[in-house]
């Protein structure tokens, strides 16, 4: 009887896993359909026939240029950036065992914004190298924030809650520094800095998308290889150490990986807030806390959310100039407040 019950439980488990993978396949299909819809919408409308012909290279002229030079880079950037930011948020939440962990709540995104403003205003480089110098300064700002958090966590043995509070303090510090630098800048420099800080996926070239893709894939492989360690960490640090997990090393490596991917994305696209907070929580609601399923679902949901936000902005405005970071903030801020209130109730 017990053997029958055990086999029945195993069958139910495999059936649940199969359904979740079917749901994941449906999510990928929805993202592909949304991509096709995004290609067709904009100031230059394309019919479904022109979209397909443009994708396969059967038509030249304006449809081909619009598809491959304007909209496909934007769609690819949204998918890769959403994937990477969601993955970064999942890593931080898992390692800190705190639902509020994300690049924006730890000050990483704000550090990148501060670095970019420094590059734009204080180191006003020539027009040819301007974009790459700003990207470099943004990356250095994000990594500076990460190293400060890691040093505080290591030297002061901070708890996960204290690390989040340190991130909030860093965010405020970087924001104040950004405002101070803008105060002494010219109107042109301030306008340029503000334009950069608005998250936008329309500014990437195929080369930059390629760089982001390589880094996101590397980080995804690292997370997948450590999925069992992350599962062990769910039961607490002492339990994970008892199972042979080097928690300190895992946390340092993971935070560096999360900072790397979020820094590169923020350096290329500006501040896209709260996506790293939102996507992991949606995925957990669907598949639970098992990282074997949580990792791919989080990445797919992040890609779909950012693509949906960017497409919505283009449809609402028409010109395609509504920064996607504004929409992600509207989506993520209520989630942040909800998590805070739920924590207070507990």
C-alpha atoms as a PDB file:
ATOM      1  CA  UNK A   1       0.000   0.000   0.000  1.00  0.00           C
ATOM      2  CA  UNK A   2       2.824   2.378   0.894  1.00  0.00           C
ATOM      3  CA  UNK A   3       4.604   1.630  -2.388  1.00  0.00           C
ATOM      4  CA  UNK A   4       1.402   2.439  -4.283  1.00  0.00           C
ATOM      5  CA  UNK A   5       1.001   5.708  -2.363  1.00  0.00           C
ATOM      6  CA  UNK A   6       4.628   6.608  -3.047  1.00  0.00           C
ATOM      7  CA  UNK A   7       4.307   5.931  -6.764  1.00  0.00           C
ATOM      8  CA  UNK A   8       1.068   7.939  -6.860  1.00  0.00           C
ATOM      9  CA  UNK A   9       2.770  10.906  -5.176  1.00  0.00           C
ATOM     10  CA  UNK A  10       5.685  10.689  -7.603  1.00  0.00           C
ATOM     11  CA  UNK A  11       3.298  10.592 -10.561  1.00  0.00           C
ATOM     12  CA  UNK A  12       1.470  13.674  -9.286  1.00  0.00           C
ATOM     13  CA  UNK A  13       4.773  15.488  -8.829  1.00  0.00           C
ATOM     14  CA  UNK A  14       5.915  14.696 -12.376  1.00  0.00           C
ATOM     15  CA  UNK A  15       2.519  15.775 -13.702  1.00  0.00           C
ATOM     16  CA  UNK A  16       2.826  19.119 -11.895  1.00  0.00           C
ATOM     17  CA  UNK A  17       6.322  19.630 -13.272  1.00  0.00           C
ATOM     18  CA  UNK A  18       5.109  18.781 -16.790  1.00  0.00           C
ATOM     19  CA  UNK A  19       2.301  21.325 -16.503  1.00  0.00           C
ATOM     20  CA  UNK A  20       4.710  23.997 -15.353  1.00  0.00           C
ATOM     21  CA  UNK A  21       7.042  23.354 -18.281  1.00  0.00           C
ATOM     22  CA  UNK A  22       4.033  23.562 -20.622  1.00  0.00           C
ATOM     23  CA  UNK A  23       3.215  26.884 -18.984  1.00  0.00           C
ATOM     24  CA  UNK A  24       6.812  27.984 -19.589  1.00  0.00           C
ATOM     25  CA  UNK A  25       6.481  27.043 -23.283  1.00  0.00           C
ATOM     26  CA  UNK A  26       3.264  29.085 -23.419  1.00  0.00           C
ATOM     27  CA  UNK A  27       5.091  32.046 -21.894  1.00  0.00           C
ATOM     28  CA  UNK A  28       7.755  31.828 -24.607  1.00  0.00           C
ATOM     29  CA  UNK A  29       5.061  31.702 -27.302  1.00  0.00           C
ATOM     30  CA  UNK A  30       3.351  34.757 -25.801  1.00  0.00           C
ATOM     31  CA  UNK A  31       6.671  36.627 -25.825  1.00  0.00           C
ATOM     32  CA  UNK A  32       7.220  35.731 -29.489  1.00  0.00           C
ATOM     33  CA  UNK A  33       3.714  36.904 -30.411  1.00  0.00           C
ATOM     34  CA  UNK A  34       4.264  40.105 -28.456  1.00  0.00           C
ATOM     35  CA  UNK A  35       7.526  40.623 -30.354  1.00  0.00           C
ATOM     36  CA  UNK A  36       5.722  40.320 -33.687  1.00  0.00           C
ATOM     37  CA  UNK A  37       3.091  42.773 -32.479  1.00  0.00           C
ATOM     38  CA  UNK A  38       5.825  45.170 -31.322  1.00  0.00           C
ATOM     39  CA  UNK A  39       7.463  45.027 -34.749  1.00  0.00           C
ATOM     40  CA  UNK A  40       4.217  46.056 -36.450  1.00  0.00           C
ATOM     41  CA  UNK A  41       3.400  49.004 -34.163  1.00  0.00           C
ATOM     42  CA  UNK A  42       4.933  52.457 -34.220  1.00  0.00           C
ATOM     43  CA  UNK A  43       4.982  55.704 -36.169  1.00  0.00           C
ATOM     44  CA  UNK A  44       5.481  53.607 -39.333  1.00  0.00           C
ATOM     45  CA  UNK A  45       2.762  50.931 -39.270  1.00  0.00           C
ATOM     46  CA  UNK A  46       3.520  47.522 -40.750  1.00  0.00           C
ATOM     47  CA  UNK A  47       1.025  44.867 -41.773  1.00  0.00           C
ATOM     48  CA  UNK A  48       1.559  41.256 -40.615  1.00  0.00           C
ATOM     49  CA  UNK A  49       2.614  40.376 -44.172  1.00  0.00           C
ATOM     50  CA  UNK A  50       5.258  43.123 -44.213  1.00  0.00           C
ATOM     51  CA  UNK A  51       6.497  42.022 -40.779  1.00  0.00           C
ATOM     52  CA  UNK A  52       7.034  38.446 -41.939  1.00  0.00           C
ATOM     53  CA  UNK A  53       8.577  39.559 -45.230  1.00  0.00           C
ATOM     54  CA  UNK A  54      10.874  41.970 -43.403  1.00  0.00           C
ATOM     55  CA  UNK A  55      12.006  39.268 -40.968  1.00  0.00           C
ATOM     56  CA  UNK A  56      12.884  36.765 -43.687  1.00  0.00           C
ATOM     57  CA  UNK A  57      14.400  39.394 -46.000  1.00  0.00           C
ATOM     58  CA  UNK A  58      11.818  39.068 -48.751  1.00  0.00           C
ATOM     59  CA  UNK A  59      11.137  42.792 -48.937  1.00  0.00           C
ATOM     60  CA  UNK A  60      13.502  45.750 -49.197  1.00  0.00           C
ATOM     61  CA  UNK A  61      13.117  49.468 -48.656  1.00  0.00           C
ATOM     62  CA  UNK A  62      11.351  51.025 -45.686  1.00  0.00           C
ATOM     63  CA  UNK A  63       9.840  47.812 -44.224  1.00  0.00           C
ATOM     64  CA  UNK A  64      13.255  46.129 -44.135  1.00  0.00           C
ATOM     65  CA  UNK A  65      14.928  49.176 -42.548  1.00  0.00           C
ATOM     66  CA  UNK A  66      12.171  49.617 -39.955  1.00  0.00           C
ATOM     67  CA  UNK A  67      12.230  45.936 -38.967  1.00  0.00           C
ATOM     68  CA  UNK A  68      15.984  45.329 -38.729  1.00  0.00           C
ATOM     69  CA  UNK A  69      17.458  48.778 -38.024  1.00  0.00           C
ATOM     70  CA  UNK A  70      14.862  50.261 -35.659  1.00  0.00           C
ATOM     71  CA  UNK A  71      12.483  47.773 -34.065  1.00  0.00           C
ATOM     72  CA  UNK A  72      14.361  44.486 -33.890  1.00  0.00           C
ATOM     73  CA  UNK A  73      17.289  46.012 -31.917  1.00  0.00           C
ATOM     74  CA  UNK A  74      14.778  47.564 -29.529  1.00  0.00           C
ATOM     75  CA  UNK A  75      12.901  44.281 -29.059  1.00  0.00           C
ATOM     76  CA  UNK A  76      16.106  42.279 -28.631  1.00  0.00           C
ATOM     77  CA  UNK A  77      17.401  44.820 -26.090  1.00  0.00           C
ATOM     78  CA  UNK A  78      14.136  44.645 -24.124  1.00  0.00           C
ATOM     79  CA  UNK A  79      14.225  40.837 -24.020  1.00  0.00           C
ATOM     80  CA  UNK A  80      17.892  40.602 -23.000  1.00  0.00           C
ATOM     81  CA  UNK A  81      17.710  43.476 -20.494  1.00  0.00           C
ATOM     82  CA  UNK A  82      14.520  42.113 -18.936  1.00  0.00           C
ATOM     83  CA  UNK A  83      16.060  38.655 -18.706  1.00  0.00           C
ATOM     84  CA  UNK A  84      19.224  39.994 -17.070  1.00  0.00           C
ATOM     85  CA  UNK A  85      17.576  42.379 -14.600  1.00  0.00           C
ATOM     86  CA  UNK A  86      15.093  39.709 -13.481  1.00  0.00           C
ATOM     87  CA  UNK A  87      17.930  37.231 -13.013  1.00  0.00           C
ATOM     88  CA  UNK A  88      19.908  39.797 -11.024  1.00  0.00           C
ATOM     89  CA  UNK A  89      16.950  40.387  -8.725  1.00  0.00           C
ATOM     90  CA  UNK A  90      16.439  36.650  -8.209  1.00  0.00           C
ATOM     91  CA  UNK A  91      20.104  36.166  -7.268  1.00  0.00           C
ATOM     92  CA  UNK A  92      20.001  38.984  -4.728  1.00  0.00           C
ATOM     93  CA  UNK A  93      16.720  37.842  -3.187  1.00  0.00           C
ATOM     94  CA  UNK A  94      17.931  34.242  -2.907  1.00  0.00           C
ATOM     95  CA  UNK A  95      21.341  35.076  -1.463  1.00  0.00           C
ATOM     96  CA  UNK A  96      20.054  37.647   1.022  1.00  0.00           C
ATOM     97  CA  UNK A  97      16.900  35.640   1.757  1.00  0.00           C
ATOM     98  CA  UNK A  98      15.063  38.951   1.552  1.00  0.00           C
ATOM     99  CA  UNK A  99      12.129  39.620  -0.814  1.00  0.00           C
ATOM    100  CA  UNK A 100      13.186  43.271  -1.192  1.00  0.00           C
ATOM    101  CA  UNK A 101      16.546  42.483  -2.810  1.00  0.00           C
ATOM    102  CA  UNK A 102      17.052  43.977  -6.282  1.00  0.00           C
ATOM    103  CA  UNK A 103      19.561  46.221  -8.104  1.00  0.00           C
ATOM    104  CA  UNK A 104      17.387  49.283  -7.476  1.00  0.00           C
ATOM    105  CA  UNK A 105      16.897  48.656  -3.733  1.00  0.00           C
ATOM    106  CA  UNK A 106      20.605  47.938  -3.138  1.00  0.00           C
ATOM    107  CA  UNK A 107      21.750  51.165  -4.799  1.00  0.00           C
ATOM    108  CA  UNK A 108      23.404  49.459  -7.803  1.00  0.00           C
ATOM    109  CA  UNK A 109      21.185  51.191 -10.367  1.00  0.00           C
ATOM    110  CA  UNK A 110      21.543  54.546  -8.600  1.00  0.00           C
ATOM    111  CA  UNK A 111      25.318  54.100  -8.527  1.00  0.00           C
ATOM    112  CA  UNK A 112      25.274  53.591 -12.282  1.00  0.00           C
ATOM    113  CA  UNK A 113      23.154  56.716 -12.730  1.00  0.00           C
ATOM    114  CA  UNK A 114      25.594  58.735 -10.605  1.00  0.00           C
ATOM    115  CA  UNK A 115      28.537  57.441 -12.647  1.00  0.00           C
ATOM    116  CA  UNK A 116      26.804  58.358 -15.904  1.00  0.00           C
ATOM    117  CA  UNK A 117      26.076  61.900 -14.703  1.00  0.00           C
ATOM    118  CA  UNK A 118      29.717  62.274 -13.650  1.00  0.00           C
ATOM    119  CA  UNK A 119      30.796  61.170 -17.115  1.00  0.00           C
ATOM    120  CA  UNK A 120      28.353  63.498 -18.886  1.00  0.00           C
ATOM    121  CA  UNK A 121      28.910  66.656 -16.811  1.00  0.00           C
ATOM    122  CA  UNK A 122      32.367  66.500 -15.215  1.00  0.00           C
ATOM    123  CA  UNK A 123      34.145  64.603 -18.017  1.00  0.00           C
ATOM    124  CA  UNK A 124      32.463  66.062 -21.074  1.00  0.00           C
ATOM    125  CA  UNK A 125      34.187  63.961 -23.734  1.00  0.00           C
ATOM    126  CA  UNK A 126      33.999  64.358 -27.498  1.00  0.00           C
ATOM    127  CA  UNK A 127      30.911  63.297 -29.407  1.00  0.00           C
ATOM    128  CA  UNK A 128      32.558  60.228 -30.973  1.00  0.00           C
ATOM    129  CA  UNK A 129      33.518  58.598 -27.676  1.00  0.00           C
ATOM    130  CA  UNK A 130      30.808  60.175 -25.528  1.00  0.00           C
ATOM    131  CA  UNK A 131      28.479  57.154 -25.412  1.00  0.00           C
ATOM    132  CA  UNK A 132      31.229  54.711 -24.488  1.00  0.00           C
ATOM    133  CA  UNK A 133      32.758  56.984 -21.841  1.00  0.00           C
ATOM    134  CA  UNK A 134      29.348  57.458 -20.224  1.00  0.00           C
ATOM    135  CA  UNK A 135      28.822  53.687 -20.307  1.00  0.00           C
ATOM    136  CA  UNK A 136      32.200  53.141 -18.629  1.00  0.00           C
ATOM    137  CA  UNK A 137      31.458  55.669 -15.866  1.00  0.00           C
ATOM    138  CA  UNK A 138      28.026  54.118 -15.295  1.00  0.00           C
ATOM    139  CA  UNK A 139      29.560  50.672 -14.981  1.00  0.00           C
ATOM    140  CA  UNK A 140      32.161  51.941 -12.488  1.00  0.00           C
ATOM    141  CA  UNK A 141      29.426  53.602 -10.429  1.00  0.00           C
ATOM    142  CA  UNK A 142      27.391  50.399 -10.229  1.00  0.00           C
ATOM    143  CA  UNK A 143      30.397  48.286  -9.261  1.00  0.00           C
ATOM    144  CA  UNK A 144      31.406  50.866  -6.608  1.00  0.00           C
ATOM    145  CA  UNK A 145      27.991  50.487  -4.977  1.00  0.00           C
ATOM    146  CA  UNK A 146      28.369  46.704  -5.034  1.00  0.00           C
ATOM    147  CA  UNK A 147      31.820  46.747  -3.440  1.00  0.00           C
ATOM    148  CA  UNK A 148      30.617  49.075  -0.681  1.00  0.00           C
ATOM    149  CA  UNK A 149      27.732  46.700   0.106  1.00  0.00           C
ATOM    150  CA  UNK A 150      30.054  43.676   0.084  1.00  0.00           C
ATOM    151  CA  UNK A 151      32.631  45.364   2.332  1.00  0.00           C
ATOM    152  CA  UNK A 152      29.967  46.424   4.824  1.00  0.00           C
ATOM    153  CA  UNK A 153      28.488  42.917   4.829  1.00  0.00           C
ATOM    154  CA  UNK A 154      31.893  41.285   5.342  1.00  0.00           C
ATOM    155  CA  UNK A 155      33.433  43.678   7.852  1.00  0.00           C
ATOM    156  CA  UNK A 156      30.341  44.343   9.962  1.00  0.00           C
ATOM    157  CA  UNK A 157      28.619  40.962   9.511  1.00  0.00           C
ATOM    158  CA  UNK A 158      25.391  42.668   8.503  1.00  0.00           C
ATOM    159  CA  UNK A 159      22.120  40.773   8.363  1.00  0.00           C
ATOM    160  CA  UNK A 160      20.119  40.648   5.128  1.00  0.00           C
ATOM    161  CA  UNK A 161      17.766  43.324   6.476  1.00  0.00           C
ATOM    162  CA  UNK A 162      20.712  45.581   7.351  1.00  0.00           C
ATOM    163  CA  UNK A 163      22.161  45.074   3.856  1.00  0.00           C
ATOM    164  CA  UNK A 164      18.880  46.291   2.334  1.00  0.00           C
ATOM    165  CA  UNK A 165      18.939  49.331   4.620  1.00  0.00           C
ATOM    166  CA  UNK A 166      22.549  50.007   3.610  1.00  0.00           C
ATOM    167  CA  UNK A 167      21.427  49.832  -0.016  1.00  0.00           C
ATOM    168  CA  UNK A 168      18.668  52.356   0.642  1.00  0.00           C
ATOM    169  CA  UNK A 169      21.220  54.671   2.278  1.00  0.00           C
ATOM    170  CA  UNK A 170      23.557  54.274  -0.701  1.00  0.00           C
ATOM    171  CA  UNK A 171      20.682  55.020  -3.082  1.00  0.00           C
ATOM    172  CA  UNK A 172      19.984  58.258  -1.215  1.00  0.00           C
ATOM    173  CA  UNK A 173      23.689  59.164  -1.217  1.00  0.00           C
ATOM    174  CA  UNK A 174      24.092  58.562  -4.960  1.00  0.00           C
ATOM    175  CA  UNK A 175      20.878  60.447  -5.705  1.00  0.00           C
ATOM    176  CA  UNK A 176      22.063  63.432  -3.656  1.00  0.00           C
ATOM    177  CA  UNK A 177      25.412  63.366  -5.467  1.00  0.00           C
ATOM    178  CA  UNK A 178      23.623  63.265  -8.809  1.00  0.00           C
ATOM    179  CA  UNK A 179      21.463  66.286  -7.923  1.00  0.00           C
ATOM    180  CA  UNK A 180      24.497  68.193  -6.601  1.00  0.00           C
ATOM    181  CA  UNK A 181      26.458  67.689  -9.824  1.00  0.00           C
ATOM    182  CA  UNK A 182      23.447  68.701 -11.925  1.00  0.00           C
ATOM    183  CA  UNK A 183      23.056  71.876  -9.866  1.00  0.00           C
ATOM    184  CA  UNK A 184      26.413  73.178 -11.147  1.00  0.00           C
ATOM    185  CA  UNK A 185      25.898  71.998 -14.744  1.00  0.00           C
ATOM    186  CA  UNK A 186      24.688  73.874 -17.788  1.00  0.00           C
ATOM    187  CA  UNK A 187      21.149  73.439 -19.116  1.00  0.00           C
ATOM    188  CA  UNK A 188      22.388  71.306 -21.988  1.00  0.00           C
ATOM    189  CA  UNK A 189      24.333  69.024 -19.675  1.00  0.00           C
ATOM    190  CA  UNK A 190      21.387  68.681 -17.295  1.00  0.00           C
ATOM    191  CA  UNK A 191      19.072  67.771 -20.181  1.00  0.00           C
ATOM    192  CA  UNK A 192      21.558  65.172 -21.427  1.00  0.00           C
ATOM    193  CA  UNK A 193      21.949  63.683 -17.942  1.00  0.00           C
ATOM    194  CA  UNK A 194      18.199  63.520 -17.355  1.00  0.00           C
ATOM    195  CA  UNK A 195      17.657  61.833 -20.714  1.00  0.00           C
ATOM    196  CA  UNK A 196      20.188  59.154 -19.797  1.00  0.00           C
ATOM    197  CA  UNK A 197      18.723  58.464 -16.344  1.00  0.00           C
ATOM    198  CA  UNK A 198      15.336  57.682 -17.925  1.00  0.00           C
ATOM    199  CA  UNK A 199      15.505  53.962 -18.680  1.00  0.00           C
ATOM    200  CA  UNK A 200      15.135  53.333 -22.399  1.00  0.00           C
ATOM    201  CA  UNK A 201      15.796  50.234 -24.537  1.00  0.00           C
ATOM    202  CA  UNK A 202      15.852  52.120 -27.840  1.00  0.00           C
ATOM    203  CA  UNK A 203      19.466  53.281 -27.565  1.00  0.00           C
ATOM    204  CA  UNK A 204      21.385  50.001 -28.076  1.00  0.00           C
ATOM    205  CA  UNK A 205      23.213  48.913 -31.192  1.00  0.00           C
ATOM    206  CA  UNK A 206      23.608  45.266 -32.173  1.00  0.00           C
ATOM    207  CA  UNK A 207      27.169  45.306 -30.777  1.00  0.00           C
ATOM    208  CA  UNK A 208      25.944  46.434 -27.365  1.00  0.00           C
ATOM    209  CA  UNK A 209      23.127  43.896 -27.431  1.00  0.00           C
ATOM    210  CA  UNK A 210      25.726  41.227 -28.188  1.00  0.00           C
ATOM    211  CA  UNK A 211      27.821  42.275 -25.177  1.00  0.00           C
ATOM    212  CA  UNK A 212      24.774  42.187 -22.910  1.00  0.00           C
ATOM    213  CA  UNK A 213      23.716  38.793 -24.253  1.00  0.00           C
ATOM    214  CA  UNK A 214      27.110  37.199 -23.594  1.00  0.00           C
ATOM    215  CA  UNK A 215      27.215  38.503 -20.013  1.00  0.00           C
ATOM    216  CA  UNK A 216      23.610  37.495 -19.296  1.00  0.00           C
ATOM    217  CA  UNK A 217      24.248  33.979 -20.628  1.00  0.00           C
ATOM    218  CA  UNK A 218      27.396  33.620 -18.497  1.00  0.00           C
ATOM    219  CA  UNK A 219      25.519  34.710 -15.361  1.00  0.00           C
ATOM    220  CA  UNK A 220      22.598  32.415 -16.247  1.00  0.00           C
ATOM    221  CA  UNK A 221      24.969  29.452 -16.519  1.00  0.00           C
ATOM    222  CA  UNK A 222      26.519  30.332 -13.148  1.00  0.00           C
ATOM    223  CA  UNK A 223      23.106  30.502 -11.467  1.00  0.00           C
ATOM    224  CA  UNK A 224      22.014  27.212 -13.051  1.00  0.00           C
ATOM    225  CA  UNK A 225      25.170  25.474 -11.815  1.00  0.00           C
ATOM    226  CA  UNK A 226      24.455  26.722  -8.263  1.00  0.00           C
ATOM    227  CA  UNK A 227      20.710  26.040  -8.245  1.00  0.00           C
ATOM    228  CA  UNK A 228      21.056  23.263  -5.647  1.00  0.00           C
ATOM    229  CA  UNK A 229      23.132  25.511  -3.369  1.00  0.00           C
ATOM    230  CA  UNK A 230      20.481  28.208  -3.655  1.00  0.00           C
ATOM    231  CA  UNK A 231      17.800  25.655  -2.803  1.00  0.00           C
ATOM    232  CA  UNK A 232      19.802  24.596   0.257  1.00  0.00           C
ATOM    233  CA  UNK A 233      20.065  28.236   1.328  1.00  0.00           C
ATOM    234  CA  UNK A 234      16.270  28.431   1.489  1.00  0.00           C
ATOM    235  CA  UNK A 235      16.379  26.409   4.719  1.00  0.00           C
ATOM    236  CA  UNK A 236      18.802  28.831   6.374  1.00  0.00           C
ATOM    237  CA  UNK A 237      22.530  29.458   6.440  1.00  0.00           C
ATOM    238  CA  UNK A 238      23.288  26.873   9.114  1.00  0.00           C
ATOM    239  CA  UNK A 239      21.413  24.157   7.239  1.00  0.00           C
ATOM    240  CA  UNK A 240      23.163  25.099   3.994  1.00  0.00           C
ATOM    241  CA  UNK A 241      26.566  24.972   5.701  1.00  0.00           C
ATOM    242  CA  UNK A 242      25.675  21.566   7.118  1.00  0.00           C
ATOM    243  CA  UNK A 243      25.001  20.382   3.574  1.00  0.00           C
ATOM    244  CA  UNK A 244      28.452  21.523   2.474  1.00  0.00           C
ATOM    245  CA  UNK A 245      27.583  24.896   0.945  1.00  0.00           C
ATOM    246  CA  UNK A 246      30.175  27.653   1.366  1.00  0.00           C
ATOM    247  CA  UNK A 247      27.648  30.382   2.084  1.00  0.00           C
ATOM    248  CA  UNK A 248      30.110  33.291   2.280  1.00  0.00           C
ATOM    249  CA  UNK A 249      31.796  32.396  -1.000  1.00  0.00           C
ATOM    250  CA  UNK A 250      28.444  31.789  -2.705  1.00  0.00           C
ATOM    251  CA  UNK A 251      27.134  35.145  -1.512  1.00  0.00           C
ATOM    252  CA  UNK A 252      30.177  37.107  -2.695  1.00  0.00           C
ATOM    253  CA  UNK A 253      30.252  35.382  -6.090  1.00  0.00           C
ATOM    254  CA  UNK A 254      26.504  35.746  -6.538  1.00  0.00           C
ATOM    255  CA  UNK A 255      26.391  39.415  -5.641  1.00  0.00           C
ATOM    256  CA  UNK A 256      29.249  40.113  -8.016  1.00  0.00           C
ATOM    257  CA  UNK A 257      27.418  38.253 -10.792  1.00  0.00           C
ATOM    258  CA  UNK A 258      24.189  40.128 -10.081  1.00  0.00           C
ATOM    259  CA  UNK A 259      26.029  43.448  -9.994  1.00  0.00           C
ATOM    260  CA  UNK A 260      27.878  42.687 -13.230  1.00  0.00           C
ATOM    261  CA  UNK A 261      24.778  41.967 -15.277  1.00  0.00           C
ATOM    262  CA  UNK A 262      22.741  44.835 -13.809  1.00  0.00           C
ATOM    263  CA  UNK A 263      25.669  47.257 -14.185  1.00  0.00           C
ATOM    264  CA  UNK A 264      26.146  46.458 -17.866  1.00  0.00           C
ATOM    265  CA  UNK A 265      22.413  46.734 -18.605  1.00  0.00           C
ATOM    266  CA  UNK A 266      22.083  49.984 -16.657  1.00  0.00           C
ATOM    267  CA  UNK A 267      25.192  51.372 -18.342  1.00  0.00           C
ATOM    268  CA  UNK A 268      23.674  50.801 -21.778  1.00  0.00           C
ATOM    269  CA  UNK A 269      20.018  51.590 -21.055  1.00  0.00           C
ATOM    270  CA  UNK A 270      19.817  53.821 -18.009  1.00  0.00           C
ATOM    271  CA  UNK A 271      17.872  53.089 -14.827  1.00  0.00           C
ATOM    272  CA  UNK A 272      15.083  50.541 -15.316  1.00  0.00           C
ATOM    273  CA  UNK A 273      13.770  50.317 -11.763  1.00  0.00           C
ATOM    274  CA  UNK A 274      11.866  47.567  -9.966  1.00  0.00           C
ATOM    275  CA  UNK A 275      11.908  44.953 -12.746  1.00  0.00           C
ATOM    276  CA  UNK A 276      14.420  42.892 -10.757  1.00  0.00           C
ATOM    277  CA  UNK A 277      12.026  43.070  -7.802  1.00  0.00           C
ATOM    278  CA  UNK A 278       8.833  42.281  -9.695  1.00  0.00           C
ATOM    279  CA  UNK A 279       9.716  39.348 -11.966  1.00  0.00           C
ATOM    280  CA  UNK A 280      11.049  36.917  -9.293  1.00  0.00           C
ATOM    281  CA  UNK A 281       7.944  37.394  -7.159  1.00  0.00           C
ATOM    282  CA  UNK A 282       5.611  36.662 -10.069  1.00  0.00           C
ATOM    283  CA  UNK A 283       7.639  33.552 -10.869  1.00  0.00           C
ATOM    284  CA  UNK A 284       7.507  32.372  -7.247  1.00  0.00           C
ATOM    285  CA  UNK A 285       3.730  32.717  -7.279  1.00  0.00           C
ATOM    286  CA  UNK A 286       3.591  30.413 -10.302  1.00  0.00           C
ATOM    287  CA  UNK A 287       6.225  27.723  -9.651  1.00  0.00           C
ATOM    288  CA  UNK A 288       7.276  28.126  -6.016  1.00  0.00           C
ATOM    289  CA  UNK A 289      10.789  28.517  -4.611  1.00  0.00           C
ATOM    290  CA  UNK A 290      12.541  25.591  -6.354  1.00  0.00           C
ATOM    291  CA  UNK A 291      15.332  27.211  -8.394  1.00  0.00           C
ATOM    292  CA  UNK A 292      15.252  24.456 -11.014  1.00  0.00           C
ATOM    293  CA  UNK A 293      12.005  25.999 -12.274  1.00  0.00           C
ATOM    294  CA  UNK A 294      12.298  29.434 -10.700  1.00  0.00           C
ATOM    295  CA  UNK A 295      15.376  30.461 -12.717  1.00  0.00           C
ATOM    296  CA  UNK A 296      13.941  29.939 -16.239  1.00  0.00           C
ATOM    297  CA  UNK A 297      10.509  31.290 -15.277  1.00  0.00           C
ATOM    298  CA  UNK A 298      12.015  34.440 -13.728  1.00  0.00           C
ATOM    299  CA  UNK A 299      14.105  35.115 -16.831  1.00  0.00           C
ATOM    300  CA  UNK A 300      11.167  34.567 -19.195  1.00  0.00           C
ATOM    301  CA  UNK A 301       8.817  36.733 -17.125  1.00  0.00           C
ATOM    302  CA  UNK A 302      11.403  39.516 -16.906  1.00  0.00           C
ATOM    303  CA  UNK A 303      11.891  39.503 -20.682  1.00  0.00           C
ATOM    304  CA  UNK A 304       8.133  39.503 -21.315  1.00  0.00           C
ATOM    305  CA  UNK A 305       7.455  42.274 -18.772  1.00  0.00           C
ATOM    306  CA  UNK A 306      10.061  44.657 -20.154  1.00  0.00           C
ATOM    307  CA  UNK A 307       8.978  43.991 -23.744  1.00  0.00           C
ATOM    308  CA  UNK A 308       5.342  44.554 -22.719  1.00  0.00           C
ATOM    309  CA  UNK A 309       6.220  47.807 -20.928  1.00  0.00           C
ATOM    310  CA  UNK A 310       8.210  49.126 -23.907  1.00  0.00           C
ATOM    311  CA  UNK A 311       5.510  48.146 -26.407  1.00  0.00           C
ATOM    312  CA  UNK A 312       2.820  49.725 -24.224  1.00  0.00           C
ATOM    313  CA  UNK A 313       4.818  52.949 -24.087  1.00  0.00           C
ATOM    314  CA  UNK A 314       5.145  53.036 -27.862  1.00  0.00           C
ATOM    315  CA  UNK A 315       1.431  52.323 -28.406  1.00  0.00           C
ATOM    316  CA  UNK A 316       0.290  54.923 -25.859  1.00  0.00           C
ATOM    317  CA  UNK A 317       2.563  57.726 -27.037  1.00  0.00           C
ATOM    318  CA  UNK A 318       2.839  56.839 -30.709  1.00  0.00           C
ATOM    319  CA  UNK A 319       6.255  58.415 -31.202  1.00  0.00           C
ATOM    320  CA  UNK A 320       7.978  55.763 -29.083  1.00  0.00           C
ATOM    321  CA  UNK A 321       9.624  58.308 -26.792  1.00  0.00           C
ATOM    322  CA  UNK A 322       8.075  57.276 -23.459  1.00  0.00           C
ATOM    323  CA  UNK A 323      10.957  55.863 -21.371  1.00  0.00           C
ATOM    324  CA  UNK A 324      10.321  52.285 -20.320  1.00  0.00           C
ATOM    325  CA  UNK A 325      11.804  52.957 -16.878  1.00  0.00           C
ATOM    326  CA  UNK A 326       8.753  55.077 -16.040  1.00  0.00           C
ATOM    327  CA  UNK A 327       6.377  52.193 -16.750  1.00  0.00           C
ATOM    328  CA  UNK A 328       8.432  49.640 -14.822  1.00  0.00           C
ATOM    329  CA  UNK A 329       8.422  52.009 -11.837  1.00  0.00           C
ATOM    330  CA  UNK A 330       4.636  52.224 -12.038  1.00  0.00           C
ATOM    331  CA  UNK A 331       4.491  48.417 -12.052  1.00  0.00           C
ATOM    332  CA  UNK A 332       7.119  47.805  -9.375  1.00  0.00           C
ATOM    333  CA  UNK A 333       6.471  50.547  -6.812  1.00  0.00           C
ATOM    334  CA  UNK A 334       3.103  49.070  -5.648  1.00  0.00           C
ATOM    335  CA  UNK A 335       4.808  45.655  -5.292  1.00  0.00           C
ATOM    336  CA  UNK A 336       7.547  47.241  -3.158  1.00  0.00           C
ATOM    337  CA  UNK A 337       4.979  48.892  -0.871  1.00  0.00           C
ATOM    338  CA  UNK A 338       3.000  45.646  -0.619  1.00  0.00           C
ATOM    339  CA  UNK A 339       6.090  43.714   0.444  1.00  0.00           C
ATOM    340  CA  UNK A 340       6.935  46.359   3.028  1.00  0.00           C
ATOM    341  CA  UNK A 341       3.413  46.270   4.494  1.00  0.00           C
ATOM    342  CA  UNK A 342       3.396  42.470   4.567  1.00  0.00           C
ATOM    343  CA  UNK A 343       6.716  42.521   6.419  1.00  0.00           C
ATOM    344  CA  UNK A 344       5.345  44.977   8.978  1.00  0.00           C
ATOM    345  CA  UNK A 345       2.300  42.790   9.595  1.00  0.00           C
ATOM    346  CA  UNK A 346       4.566  39.809  10.262  1.00  0.00           C
END
